[in-house]
Amino acid sequence: MENKPAGPFRRWYQLEAVTQFADQRTELEEKIRSLEAEKASLLSGIASLKEKIATYELEKSASALESEVESLRTERAVLEEKAANYEAEAGYELPPSTTEGL
């Protein structure tokens, strides 16, 4: 059997218990709001970082492709010049390049 206070003290004890539970509830609600705000902030930050990384990766890919395309343009120009030299020396024409005008 529980040892509960009697009379007016019992009423005070019950009010004290209700107040204590209300305080705990308020603290938990504040903690939940704080954690939800932090969660939202973290999710936003993560999304921003993912976009930043994706942009860096695209920039890296674009840069690599630019270098590759420039290298291919140079190779084509060297080959076109070499073909022109052969045409001039041998007195015959090679078929025109399929990429002329690009």
PDB file of N, CA and C in Angstrom:
ATOM      1  N   MET A   1       0.824  -1.173   0.000  1.00  0.00           N
ATOM      2  CA  MET A   1       0.000   0.000   0.000  1.00  0.00           C
ATOM      3  C   MET A   1       0.877   1.249   0.000  1.00  0.00           C
ATOM      4  N   GLU A   2       0.493   2.226  -0.865  1.00  0.00           N
ATOM      5  CA  GLU A   2       1.282   3.453  -0.965  1.00  0.00           C
ATOM      6  C   GLU A   2       1.049   4.332   0.260  1.00  0.00           C
ATOM      7  N   ASN A   3       2.063   5.091   0.584  1.00  0.00           N
ATOM      8  CA  ASN A   3       1.977   6.011   1.707  1.00  0.00           C
ATOM      9  C   ASN A   3       1.673   7.390   1.140  1.00  0.00           C
ATOM     10  N   LYS A   4       0.367   7.752   0.995  1.00  0.00           N
ATOM     11  CA  LYS A   4      -0.055   9.028   0.423  1.00  0.00           C
ATOM     12  C   LYS A   4      -0.384   9.992   1.542  1.00  0.00           C
ATOM     13  N   PRO A   5      -0.062  11.270   1.325  1.00  0.00           N
ATOM     14  CA  PRO A   5      -0.410  12.270   2.346  1.00  0.00           C
ATOM     15  C   PRO A   5      -1.922  12.416   2.474  1.00  0.00           C
ATOM     16  N   ALA A   6      -2.351  12.872   3.619  1.00  0.00           N
ATOM     17  CA  ALA A   6      -3.786  13.031   3.892  1.00  0.00           C
ATOM     18  C   ALA A   6      -4.143  14.504   4.009  1.00  0.00           C
ATOM     19  N   GLY A   7      -5.441  14.821   3.790  1.00  0.00           N
ATOM     20  CA  GLY A   7      -5.983  16.163   4.006  1.00  0.00           C
ATOM     21  C   GLY A   7      -5.458  17.193   3.037  1.00  0.00           C
ATOM     22  N   PRO A   8      -5.263  18.451   3.550  1.00  0.00           N
ATOM     23  CA  PRO A   8      -4.829  19.555   2.699  1.00  0.00           C
ATOM     24  C   PRO A   8      -3.454  19.286   2.077  1.00  0.00           C
ATOM     25  N   PHE A   9      -2.643  18.568   2.811  1.00  0.00           N
ATOM     26  CA  PHE A   9      -1.319  18.252   2.278  1.00  0.00           C
ATOM     27  C   PHE A   9      -1.432  17.367   1.040  1.00  0.00           C
ATOM     28  N   ARG A  10      -2.454  16.493   1.053  1.00  0.00           N
ATOM     29  CA  ARG A  10      -2.682  15.616  -0.093  1.00  0.00           C
ATOM     30  C   ARG A  10      -3.013  16.456  -1.332  1.00  0.00           C
ATOM     31  N   ARG A  11      -3.861  17.441  -1.169  1.00  0.00           N
ATOM     32  CA  ARG A  11      -4.231  18.318  -2.291  1.00  0.00           C
ATOM     33  C   ARG A  11      -2.997  19.052  -2.813  1.00  0.00           C
ATOM     34  N   TRP A  12      -2.182  19.565  -1.924  1.00  0.00           N
ATOM     35  CA  TRP A  12      -0.945  20.247  -2.317  1.00  0.00           C
ATOM     36  C   TRP A  12      -0.026  19.275  -3.054  1.00  0.00           C
ATOM     37  N   TYR A  13       0.093  18.072  -2.586  1.00  0.00           N
ATOM     38  CA  TYR A  13       0.929  17.034  -3.186  1.00  0.00           C
ATOM     39  C   TYR A  13       0.459  16.737  -4.609  1.00  0.00           C
ATOM     40  N   GLN A  14      -0.861  16.657  -4.801  1.00  0.00           N
ATOM     41  CA  GLN A  14      -1.411  16.393  -6.140  1.00  0.00           C
ATOM     42  C   GLN A  14      -1.128  17.566  -7.073  1.00  0.00           C
ATOM     43  N   LEU A  15      -1.312  18.797  -6.577  1.00  0.00           N
ATOM     44  CA  LEU A  15      -1.025  19.978  -7.396  1.00  0.00           C
ATOM     45  C   LEU A  15       0.458  20.055  -7.751  1.00  0.00           C
ATOM     46  N   GLU A  16       1.295  19.704  -6.812  1.00  0.00           N
ATOM     47  CA  GLU A  16       2.736  19.703  -7.039  1.00  0.00           C
ATOM     48  C   GLU A  16       3.095  18.687  -8.130  1.00  0.00           C
ATOM     49  N   ALA A  17       2.467  17.525  -8.089  1.00  0.00           N
ATOM     50  CA  ALA A  17       2.710  16.494  -9.100  1.00  0.00           C
ATOM     51  C   ALA A  17       2.246  16.978 -10.470  1.00  0.00           C
ATOM     52  N   VAL A  18       1.074  17.606 -10.538  1.00  0.00           N
ATOM     53  CA  VAL A  18       0.558  18.132 -11.800  1.00  0.00           C
ATOM     54  C   VAL A  18       1.502  19.206 -12.340  1.00  0.00           C
ATOM     55  N   THR A  19       1.964  20.085 -11.474  1.00  0.00           N
ATOM     56  CA  THR A  19       2.895  21.147 -11.875  1.00  0.00           C
ATOM     57  C   THR A  19       4.195  20.546 -12.399  1.00  0.00           C
ATOM     58  N   GLN A  20       4.672  19.535 -11.708  1.00  0.00           N
ATOM     59  CA  GLN A  20       5.920  18.888 -12.119  1.00  0.00           C
ATOM     60  C   GLN A  20       5.753  18.258 -13.513  1.00  0.00           C
ATOM     61  N   PHE A  21       4.640  17.584 -13.750  1.00  0.00           N
ATOM     62  CA  PHE A  21       4.401  16.978 -15.061  1.00  0.00           C
ATOM     63  C   PHE A  21       4.248  18.051 -16.142  1.00  0.00           C
ATOM     64  N   ALA A  22       3.590  19.139 -15.802  1.00  0.00           N
ATOM     65  CA  ALA A  22       3.418  20.243 -16.758  1.00  0.00           C
ATOM     66  C   ALA A  22       4.777  20.843 -17.116  1.00  0.00           C
ATOM     67  N   ASP A  23       5.645  21.006 -16.101  1.00  0.00           N
ATOM     68  CA  ASP A  23       6.991  21.528 -16.352  1.00  0.00           C
ATOM     69  C   ASP A  23       7.783  20.577 -17.254  1.00  0.00           C
ATOM     70  N   GLN A  24       7.687  19.298 -16.977  1.00  0.00           N
ATOM     71  CA  GLN A  24       8.386  18.305 -17.803  1.00  0.00           C
ATOM     72  C   GLN A  24       7.867  18.348 -19.242  1.00  0.00           C
ATOM     73  N   ARG A  25       6.559  18.473 -19.366  1.00  0.00           N
ATOM     74  CA  ARG A  25       5.960  18.536 -20.705  1.00  0.00           C
ATOM     75  C   ARG A  25       6.470  19.770 -21.450  1.00  0.00           C
ATOM     76  N   THR A  26       6.500  20.909 -20.765  1.00  0.00           N
ATOM     77  CA  THR A  26       6.986  22.146 -21.386  1.00  0.00           C
ATOM     78  C   THR A  26       8.443  21.989 -21.816  1.00  0.00           C
ATOM     79  N   GLU A  27       9.260  21.416 -20.955  1.00  0.00           N
ATOM     80  CA  GLU A  27      10.671  21.200 -21.295  1.00  0.00           C
ATOM     81  C   GLU A  27      10.809  20.283 -22.516  1.00  0.00           C
ATOM     82  N   LEU A  28      10.029  19.210 -22.537  1.00  0.00           N
ATOM     83  CA  LEU A  28      10.086  18.282 -23.663  1.00  0.00           C
ATOM     84  C   LEU A  28       9.611  18.942 -24.961  1.00  0.00           C
ATOM     85  N   GLU A  29       8.558  19.757 -24.874  1.00  0.00           N
ATOM     86  CA  GLU A  29       8.075  20.464 -26.058  1.00  0.00           C
ATOM     87  C   GLU A  29       9.127  21.430 -26.586  1.00  0.00           C
ATOM     88  N   GLU A  30       9.809  22.143 -25.670  1.00  0.00           N
ATOM     89  CA  GLU A  30      10.871  23.064 -26.070  1.00  0.00           C
ATOM     90  C   GLU A  30      12.021  22.296 -26.714  1.00  0.00           C
ATOM     91  N   LYS A  31      12.372  21.158 -26.135  1.00  0.00           N
ATOM     92  CA  LYS A  31      13.449  20.329 -26.676  1.00  0.00           C
ATOM     93  C   LYS A  31      13.075  19.837 -28.075  1.00  0.00           C
ATOM     94  N   ILE A  32      11.830  19.412 -28.252  1.00  0.00           N
ATOM     95  CA  ILE A  32      11.369  18.939 -29.557  1.00  0.00           C
ATOM     96  C   ILE A  32      11.428  20.067 -30.581  1.00  0.00           C
ATOM     97  N   ARG A  33      10.956  21.261 -30.218  1.00  0.00           N
ATOM     98  CA  ARG A  33      11.014  22.407 -31.140  1.00  0.00           C
ATOM     99  C   ARG A  33      12.459  22.720 -31.524  1.00  0.00           C
ATOM    100  N   SER A  34      13.332  22.682 -30.536  1.00  0.00           N
ATOM    101  CA  SER A  34      14.737  22.968 -30.789  1.00  0.00           C
ATOM    102  C   SER A  34      15.353  21.920 -31.716  1.00  0.00           C
ATOM    103  N   LEU A  35      15.062  20.653 -31.454  1.00  0.00           N
ATOM    104  CA  LEU A  35      15.600  19.582 -32.295  1.00  0.00           C
ATOM    105  C   LEU A  35      15.019  19.637 -33.710  1.00  0.00           C
ATOM    106  N   GLU A  36      13.737  19.973 -33.830  1.00  0.00           N
ATOM    107  CA  GLU A  36      13.125  20.096 -35.159  1.00  0.00           C
ATOM    108  C   GLU A  36      13.759  21.240 -35.936  1.00  0.00           C
ATOM    109  N   ALA A  37      14.037  22.344 -35.260  1.00  0.00           N
ATOM    110  CA  ALA A  37      14.685  23.483 -35.921  1.00  0.00           C
ATOM    111  C   ALA A  37      16.103  23.109 -36.354  1.00  0.00           C
ATOM    112  N   GLU A  38      16.822  22.399 -35.492  1.00  0.00           N
ATOM    113  CA  GLU A  38      18.169  21.971 -35.838  1.00  0.00           C
ATOM    114  C   GLU A  38      18.130  20.985 -37.013  1.00  0.00           C
ATOM    115  N   LYS A  39      17.167  20.078 -36.987  1.00  0.00           N
ATOM    116  CA  LYS A  39      17.008  19.109 -38.082  1.00  0.00           C
ATOM    117  C   LYS A  39      16.771  19.836 -39.397  1.00  0.00           C
ATOM    118  N   ALA A  40      15.873  20.807 -39.399  1.00  0.00           N
ATOM    119  CA  ALA A  40      15.577  21.573 -40.612  1.00  0.00           C
ATOM    120  C   ALA A  40      16.825  22.303 -41.103  1.00  0.00           C
ATOM    121  N   SER A  41      17.562  22.880 -40.173  1.00  0.00           N
ATOM    122  CA  SER A  41      18.789  23.589 -40.524  1.00  0.00           C
ATOM    123  C   SER A  41      19.821  22.635 -41.124  1.00  0.00           C
ATOM    124  N   LEU A  42      19.976  21.466 -40.504  1.00  0.00           N
ATOM    125  CA  LEU A  42      20.928  20.484 -41.007  1.00  0.00           C
ATOM    126  C   LEU A  42      20.527  19.971 -42.387  1.00  0.00           C
ATOM    127  N   LEU A  43      19.256  19.697 -42.578  1.00  0.00           N
ATOM    128  CA  LEU A  43      18.785  19.235 -43.886  1.00  0.00           C
ATOM    129  C   LEU A  43      19.032  20.285 -44.958  1.00  0.00           C
ATOM    130  N   SER A  44      18.790  21.536 -44.611  1.00  0.00           N
ATOM    131  CA  SER A  44      19.026  22.628 -45.545  1.00  0.00           C
ATOM    132  C   SER A  44      20.520  22.732 -45.878  1.00  0.00           C
ATOM    133  N   GLY A  45      21.341  22.646 -44.851  1.00  0.00           N
ATOM    134  CA  GLY A  45      22.794  22.709 -45.053  1.00  0.00           C
ATOM    135  C   GLY A  45      23.305  21.550 -45.894  1.00  0.00           C
ATOM    136  N   ILE A  46      22.761  20.368 -45.651  1.00  0.00           N
ATOM    137  CA  ILE A  46      23.156  19.185 -46.421  1.00  0.00           C
ATOM    138  C   ILE A  46      22.767  19.359 -47.879  1.00  0.00           C
ATOM    139  N   ALA A  47      21.553  19.831 -48.134  1.00  0.00           N
ATOM    140  CA  ALA A  47      21.098  20.051 -49.509  1.00  0.00           C
ATOM    141  C   ALA A  47      21.994  21.070 -50.208  1.00  0.00           C
ATOM    142  N   SER A  48      22.352  22.119 -49.494  1.00  0.00           N
ATOM    143  CA  SER A  48      23.220  23.150 -50.063  1.00  0.00           C
ATOM    144  C   SER A  48      24.599  22.578 -50.392  1.00  0.00           C
ATOM    145  N   LEU A  49      25.145  21.783 -49.485  1.00  0.00           N
ATOM    146  CA  LEU A  49      26.461  21.184 -49.727  1.00  0.00           C
ATOM    147  C   LEU A  49      26.417  20.201 -50.898  1.00  0.00           C
ATOM    148  N   LYS A  50      25.340  19.442 -51.015  1.00  0.00           N
ATOM    149  CA  LYS A  50      25.203  18.513 -52.143  1.00  0.00           C
ATOM    150  C   LYS A  50      25.170  19.274 -53.460  1.00  0.00           C
ATOM    151  N   GLU A  51      24.455  20.396 -53.496  1.00  0.00           N
ATOM    152  CA  GLU A  51      24.408  21.215 -54.705  1.00  0.00           C
ATOM    153  C   GLU A  51      25.790  21.789 -55.028  1.00  0.00           C
ATOM    154  N   LYS A  52      26.484  22.224 -53.994  1.00  0.00           N
ATOM    155  CA  LYS A  52      27.818  22.788 -54.177  1.00  0.00           C
ATOM    156  C   LYS A  52      28.764  21.738 -54.759  1.00  0.00           C
ATOM    157  N   ILE A  53      28.714  20.530 -54.204  1.00  0.00           N
ATOM    158  CA  ILE A  53      29.567  19.439 -54.683  1.00  0.00           C
ATOM    159  C   ILE A  53      29.202  19.076 -56.118  1.00  0.00           C
ATOM    160  N   ALA A  54      27.910  18.989 -56.409  1.00  0.00           N
ATOM    161  CA  ALA A  54      27.468  18.668 -57.774  1.00  0.00           C
ATOM    162  C   ALA A  54      27.973  19.719 -58.758  1.00  0.00           C
ATOM    163  N   THR A  55      27.917  20.981 -58.360  1.00  0.00           N
ATOM    164  CA  THR A  55      28.408  22.060 -59.224  1.00  0.00           C
ATOM    165  C   THR A  55      29.905  21.931 -59.447  1.00  0.00           C
ATOM    166  N   TYR A  56      30.666  21.651 -58.376  1.00  0.00           N
ATOM    167  CA  TYR A  56      32.114  21.471 -58.524  1.00  0.00           C
ATOM    168  C   TYR A  56      32.426  20.306 -59.447  1.00  0.00           C
ATOM    169  N   GLU A  57      31.672  19.213 -59.305  1.00  0.00           N
ATOM    170  CA  GLU A  57      31.912  18.043 -60.155  1.00  0.00           C
ATOM    171  C   GLU A  57      31.589  18.354 -61.613  1.00  0.00           C
ATOM    172  N   LEU A  58      30.518  19.113 -61.852  1.00  0.00           N
ATOM    173  CA  LEU A  58      30.182  19.516 -63.222  1.00  0.00           C
ATOM    174  C   LEU A  58      31.259  20.440 -63.795  1.00  0.00           C
ATOM    175  N   GLU A  59      31.738  21.373 -62.978  1.00  0.00           N
ATOM    176  CA  GLU A  59      32.801  22.266 -63.436  1.00  0.00           C
ATOM    177  C   GLU A  59      34.055  21.479 -63.787  1.00  0.00           C
ATOM    178  N   LYS A  60      34.371  20.484 -62.974  1.00  0.00           N
ATOM    179  CA  LYS A  60      35.550  19.644 -63.223  1.00  0.00           C
ATOM    180  C   LYS A  60      35.380  18.877 -64.533  1.00  0.00           C
ATOM    181  N   SER A  61      34.188  18.305 -64.751  1.00  0.00           N
ATOM    182  CA  SER A  61      33.912  17.576 -65.988  1.00  0.00           C
ATOM    183  C   SER A  61      33.979  18.498 -67.197  1.00  0.00           C
ATOM    184  N   ALA A  62      33.400  19.685 -67.067  1.00  0.00           N
ATOM    185  CA  ALA A  62      33.419  20.653 -68.164  1.00  0.00           C
ATOM    186  C   ALA A  62      34.852  21.056 -68.490  1.00  0.00           C
ATOM    187  N   SER A  63      35.646  21.268 -67.478  1.00  0.00           N
ATOM    188  CA  SER A  63      37.041  21.657 -67.688  1.00  0.00           C
ATOM    189  C   SER A  63      37.815  20.539 -68.386  1.00  0.00           C
ATOM    190  N   ALA A  64      37.598  19.311 -67.943  1.00  0.00           N
ATOM    191  CA  ALA A  64      38.277  18.176 -68.571  1.00  0.00           C
ATOM    192  C   ALA A  64      37.859  18.038 -70.027  1.00  0.00           C
ATOM    193  N   LEU A  65      36.568  18.194 -70.301  1.00  0.00           N
ATOM    194  CA  LEU A  65      36.086  18.108 -71.681  1.00  0.00           C
ATOM    195  C   LEU A  65      36.628  19.246 -72.533  1.00  0.00           C
ATOM    196  N   GLU A  66      36.699  20.445 -71.960  1.00  0.00           N
ATOM    197  CA  GLU A  66      37.269  21.578 -72.702  1.00  0.00           C
ATOM    198  C   GLU A  66      38.706  21.287 -73.107  1.00  0.00           C
ATOM    199  N   SER A  67      39.478  20.719 -72.173  1.00  0.00           N
ATOM    200  CA  SER A  67      40.869  20.381 -72.461  1.00  0.00           C
ATOM    201  C   SER A  67      40.950  19.315 -73.550  1.00  0.00           C
ATOM    202  N   GLU A  68      40.089  18.307 -73.442  1.00  0.00           N
ATOM    203  CA  GLU A  68      40.077  17.231 -74.436  1.00  0.00           C
ATOM    204  C   GLU A  68      39.687  17.766 -75.812  1.00  0.00           C
ATOM    205  N   VAL A  69      38.649  18.617 -75.858  1.00  0.00           N
ATOM    206  CA  VAL A  69      38.211  19.200 -77.135  1.00  0.00           C
ATOM    207  C   VAL A  69      39.317  20.073 -77.724  1.00  0.00           C
ATOM    208  N   GLU A  70      39.963  20.864 -76.910  1.00  0.00           N
ATOM    209  CA  GLU A  70      41.049  21.726 -77.400  1.00  0.00           C
ATOM    210  C   GLU A  70      42.188  20.872 -77.951  1.00  0.00           C
ATOM    211  N   SER A  71      42.496  19.789 -77.282  1.00  0.00           N
ATOM    212  CA  SER A  71      43.539  18.878 -77.749  1.00  0.00           C
ATOM    213  C   SER A  71      43.154  18.268 -79.099  1.00  0.00           C
ATOM    214  N   LEU A  72      41.898  17.868 -79.233  1.00  0.00           N
ATOM    215  CA  LEU A  72      41.424  17.300 -80.497  1.00  0.00           C
ATOM    216  C   LEU A  72      41.433  18.338 -81.613  1.00  0.00           C
ATOM    217  N   ARG A  73      41.077  19.578 -81.294  1.00  0.00           N
ATOM    218  CA  ARG A  73      41.139  20.651 -82.308  1.00  0.00           C
ATOM    219  C   ARG A  73      42.566  20.855 -82.792  1.00  0.00           C
ATOM    220  N   THR A  74      43.486  20.833 -81.847  1.00  0.00           N
ATOM    221  CA  THR A  74      44.900  21.003 -82.203  1.00  0.00           C
ATOM    222  C   THR A  74      45.361  19.852 -83.080  1.00  0.00           C
ATOM    223  N   GLU A  75      44.999  18.631 -82.686  1.00  0.00           N
ATOM    224  CA  GLU A  75      45.374  17.458 -83.480  1.00  0.00           C
ATOM    225  C   GLU A  75      44.804  17.546 -84.893  1.00  0.00           C
ATOM    226  N   ARG A  76      43.527  17.949 -84.994  1.00  0.00           N
ATOM    227  CA  ARG A  76      42.905  18.089 -86.311  1.00  0.00           C
ATOM    228  C   ARG A  76      43.647  19.131 -87.146  1.00  0.00           C
ATOM    229  N   ALA A  77      43.975  20.268 -86.546  1.00  0.00           N
ATOM    230  CA  ALA A  77      44.665  21.330 -87.284  1.00  0.00           C
ATOM    231  C   ALA A  77      46.028  20.850 -87.780  1.00  0.00           C
ATOM    232  N   VAL A  78      46.751  20.117 -86.929  1.00  0.00           N
ATOM    233  CA  VAL A  78      48.064  19.592 -87.330  1.00  0.00           C
ATOM    234  C   VAL A  78      47.907  18.610 -88.487  1.00  0.00           C
ATOM    235  N   LEU A  79      46.904  17.731 -88.392  1.00  0.00           N
ATOM    236  CA  LEU A  79      46.676  16.751 -89.459  1.00  0.00           C
ATOM    237  C   LEU A  79      46.233  17.421 -90.747  1.00  0.00           C
ATOM    238  N   GLU A  80      45.390  18.449 -90.645  1.00  0.00           N
ATOM    239  CA  GLU A  80      44.960  19.180 -91.841  1.00  0.00           C
ATOM    240  C   GLU A  80      46.152  19.860 -92.515  1.00  0.00           C
ATOM    241  N   GLU A  81      47.041  20.427 -91.706  1.00  0.00           N
ATOM    242  CA  GLU A  81      48.228  21.076 -92.258  1.00  0.00           C
ATOM    243  C   GLU A  81      49.141  20.053 -92.923  1.00  0.00           C
ATOM    244  N   LYS A  82      49.287  18.905 -92.273  1.00  0.00           N
ATOM    245  CA  LYS A  82      50.126  17.848 -92.829  1.00  0.00           C
ATOM    246  C   LYS A  82      49.525  17.349 -94.150  1.00  0.00           C
ATOM    247  N   ALA A  83      48.214  17.164 -94.190  1.00  0.00           N
ATOM    248  CA  ALA A  83      47.551  16.723 -95.415  1.00  0.00           C
ATOM    249  C   ALA A  83      47.731  17.749 -96.517  1.00  0.00           C
ATOM    250  N   ALA A  84      47.620  19.017 -96.174  1.00  0.00           N
ATOM    251  CA  ALA A  84      47.804  20.081 -97.168  1.00  0.00           C
ATOM    252  C   ALA A  84      49.223  20.050 -97.729  1.00  0.00           C
ATOM    253  N   ASN A  85      50.206  19.790 -96.877  1.00  0.00           N
ATOM    254  CA  ASN A  85      51.599  19.707 -97.328  1.00  0.00           C
ATOM    255  C   ASN A  85      51.784  18.537 -98.291  1.00  0.00           C
ATOM    256  N   TYR A  86      51.170  17.377 -97.970  1.00  0.00           N
ATOM    257  CA  TYR A  86      51.263  16.232 -98.873  1.00  0.00           C
ATOM    258  C   TYR A  86      50.615  16.539-100.216  1.00  0.00           C
ATOM    259  N   GLU A  87      49.462  17.216-100.170  1.00  0.00           N
ATOM    260  CA  GLU A  87      48.777  17.583-101.411  1.00  0.00           C
ATOM    261  C   GLU A  87      49.680  18.463-102.277  1.00  0.00           C
ATOM    262  N   ALA A  88      50.316  19.431-101.635  1.00  0.00           N
ATOM    263  CA  ALA A  88      51.170  20.367-102.369  1.00  0.00           C
ATOM    264  C   ALA A  88      52.391  19.644-102.935  1.00  0.00           C
ATOM    265  N   GLU A  89      52.995  18.734-102.174  1.00  0.00           N
ATOM    266  CA  GLU A  89      54.196  18.026-102.616  1.00  0.00           C
ATOM    267  C   GLU A  89      53.875  16.981-103.690  1.00  0.00           C
ATOM    268  N   ALA A  90      52.792  16.244-103.503  1.00  0.00           N
ATOM    269  CA  ALA A  90      52.502  15.122-104.390  1.00  0.00           C
ATOM    270  C   ALA A  90      51.669  15.541-105.595  1.00  0.00           C
ATOM    271  N   GLY A  91      51.043  16.672-105.525  1.00  0.00           N
ATOM    272  CA  GLY A  91      50.247  17.149-106.635  1.00  0.00           C
ATOM    273  C   GLY A  91      48.884  16.477-106.719  1.00  0.00           C
ATOM    274  N   TYR A  92      48.395  15.971-105.630  1.00  0.00           N
ATOM    275  CA  TYR A  92      47.042  15.397-105.645  1.00  0.00           C
ATOM    276  C   TYR A  92      46.268  15.911-104.443  1.00  0.00           C
ATOM    277  N   GLU A  93      44.959  15.773-104.531  1.00  0.00           N
ATOM    278  CA  GLU A  93      44.108  16.275-103.458  1.00  0.00           C
ATOM    279  C   GLU A  93      43.541  15.136-102.639  1.00  0.00           C
ATOM    280  N   LEU A  94      43.537  15.330-101.339  1.00  0.00           N
ATOM    281  CA  LEU A  94      42.860  14.392-100.435  1.00  0.00           C
ATOM    282  C   LEU A  94      41.416  14.838-100.315  1.00  0.00           C
ATOM    283  N   PRO A  95      40.514  13.908 -99.981  1.00  0.00           N
ATOM    284  CA  PRO A  95      39.114  14.322 -99.793  1.00  0.00           C
ATOM    285  C   PRO A  95      39.014  15.396 -98.696  1.00  0.00           C
ATOM    286  N   PRO A  96      38.065  16.291 -98.830  1.00  0.00           N
ATOM    287  CA  PRO A  96      37.931  17.356 -97.823  1.00  0.00           C
ATOM    288  C   PRO A  96      37.591  16.772 -96.444  1.00  0.00           C
ATOM    289  N   SER A  97      38.010  17.475 -95.409  1.00  0.00           N
ATOM    290  CA  SER A  97      37.708  17.064 -94.044  1.00  0.00           C
ATOM    291  C   SER A  97      36.206  17.128 -93.811  1.00  0.00           C
ATOM    292  N   THR A  98      35.661  16.142 -93.099  1.00  0.00           N
ATOM    293  CA  THR A  98      34.220  16.108 -92.830  1.00  0.00           C
ATOM    294  C   THR A  98      33.825  17.072 -91.751  1.00  0.00           C
ATOM    295  N   THR A  99      34.796  17.687 -91.090  1.00  0.00           N
ATOM    296  CA  THR A  99      34.486  18.597 -89.988  1.00  0.00           C
ATOM    297  C   THR A  99      34.717  20.039 -90.372  1.00  0.00           C
ATOM    298  N   GLU A 100      34.913  20.310 -91.652  1.00  0.00           N
ATOM    299  CA  GLU A 100      35.143  21.696 -92.047  1.00  0.00           C
ATOM    300  C   GLU A 100      33.905  22.523 -91.699  1.00  0.00           C
ATOM    301  N   GLY A 101      34.166  23.723 -91.257  1.00  0.00           N
ATOM    302  CA  GLY A 101      33.067  24.601 -90.896  1.00  0.00           C
ATOM    303  C   GLY A 101      32.707  24.514 -89.425  1.00  0.00           C
ATOM    304  N   LEU A 102      33.308  23.616 -88.684  1.00  0.00           N
ATOM    305  CA  LEU A 102      33.025  23.511 -87.238  1.00  0.00           C
ATOM    306  C   LEU A 102      33.931  24.402 -86.450  1.00  0.00           C
TER     307      LEU A 102
END
